[in-house]
């Protein structure tokens, strides 16, 4: 049986790390909100418009 060496060999999945960061931001926004977040608020937190290249109000 082979065991992975300890320390320094971890592979970073940048996509997974970005998703974890966005989930954290969404949790923070939801916990700070008085009511349920609207779809627009969720899109804002997740920066959907930035990913699509859409400016505000477009």
Protein backbone atom coordinates (compact mmCIF):
# COMPACT_ATOMS: atom_id res chain seq x y z
CA UNK A 1 0.00 0.00 0.00
CA UNK A 2 1.33 3.44 -0.95
CA UNK A 3 0.68 6.49 1.18
CA UNK A 4 0.88 10.04 -0.18
CA UNK A 5 3.76 12.04 1.30
CA UNK A 6 2.82 14.61 3.93
CA UNK A 7 3.10 18.34 3.15
CA UNK A 8 4.05 20.31 0.07
CA UNK A 9 2.50 18.06 -2.54
CA UNK A 10 -1.11 19.26 -2.43
CA UNK A 11 -2.61 20.10 -5.78
CA UNK A 12 -4.62 23.30 -5.81
CA UNK A 13 -7.81 23.33 -7.80
CA UNK A 14 -8.24 27.02 -8.59
CA UNK A 15 -11.80 26.56 -9.85
CA UNK A 16 -12.83 24.80 -6.64
CA UNK A 17 -11.15 27.47 -4.53
CA UNK A 18 -12.99 30.22 -6.45
CA UNK A 19 -16.31 28.41 -5.97
CA UNK A 20 -15.66 28.05 -2.24
CA UNK A 21 -14.88 31.78 -2.00
CA UNK A 22 -18.10 32.69 -3.84
CA UNK A 23 -20.14 30.36 -1.61
CA UNK A 24 -18.65 32.06 1.42
CA UNK A 25 -19.56 35.48 0.08
CA UNK A 26 -23.10 34.29 -0.63
CA UNK A 27 -23.45 32.89 2.90
CA UNK A 28 -22.25 36.18 4.38
CA UNK A 29 -24.69 38.18 2.24
CA UNK A 30 -27.58 35.87 3.12
CA UNK A 31 -26.84 36.03 6.84
CA UNK A 32 -26.67 39.85 6.74
CA UNK A 33 -29.94 40.22 4.82
CA UNK A 34 -33.21 40.86 6.64
CA UNK A 35 -35.20 38.92 4.01
CA UNK A 36 -34.47 36.32 1.39
CA UNK A 37 -32.02 37.51 -1.24
CA UNK A 38 -33.56 38.34 -4.59
CA UNK A 39 -32.19 36.71 -7.71
CA UNK A 40 -30.65 40.06 -8.63
CA UNK A 41 -28.91 40.26 -5.25
CA UNK A 42 -27.56 36.74 -5.63
CA UNK A 43 -26.27 37.57 -9.12
CA UNK A 44 -24.58 40.68 -7.70
CA UNK A 45 -22.87 38.72 -4.92
CA UNK A 46 -21.74 36.05 -7.39
CA UNK A 47 -20.61 38.72 -9.87
CA UNK A 48 -22.63 37.16 -12.70
CA UNK A 49 -22.71 40.37 -14.75
CA UNK A 50 -18.90 40.65 -14.59
CA UNK A 51 -18.51 37.10 -15.90
CA UNK A 52 -20.87 37.84 -18.79
CA UNK A 53 -19.25 41.18 -19.55
CA UNK A 54 -22.45 43.07 -18.82
CA UNK A 55 -22.30 46.50 -17.28
CA UNK A 56 -24.72 47.80 -14.65
CA UNK A 57 -28.24 48.37 -15.95
CA UNK A 58 -27.68 46.58 -19.26
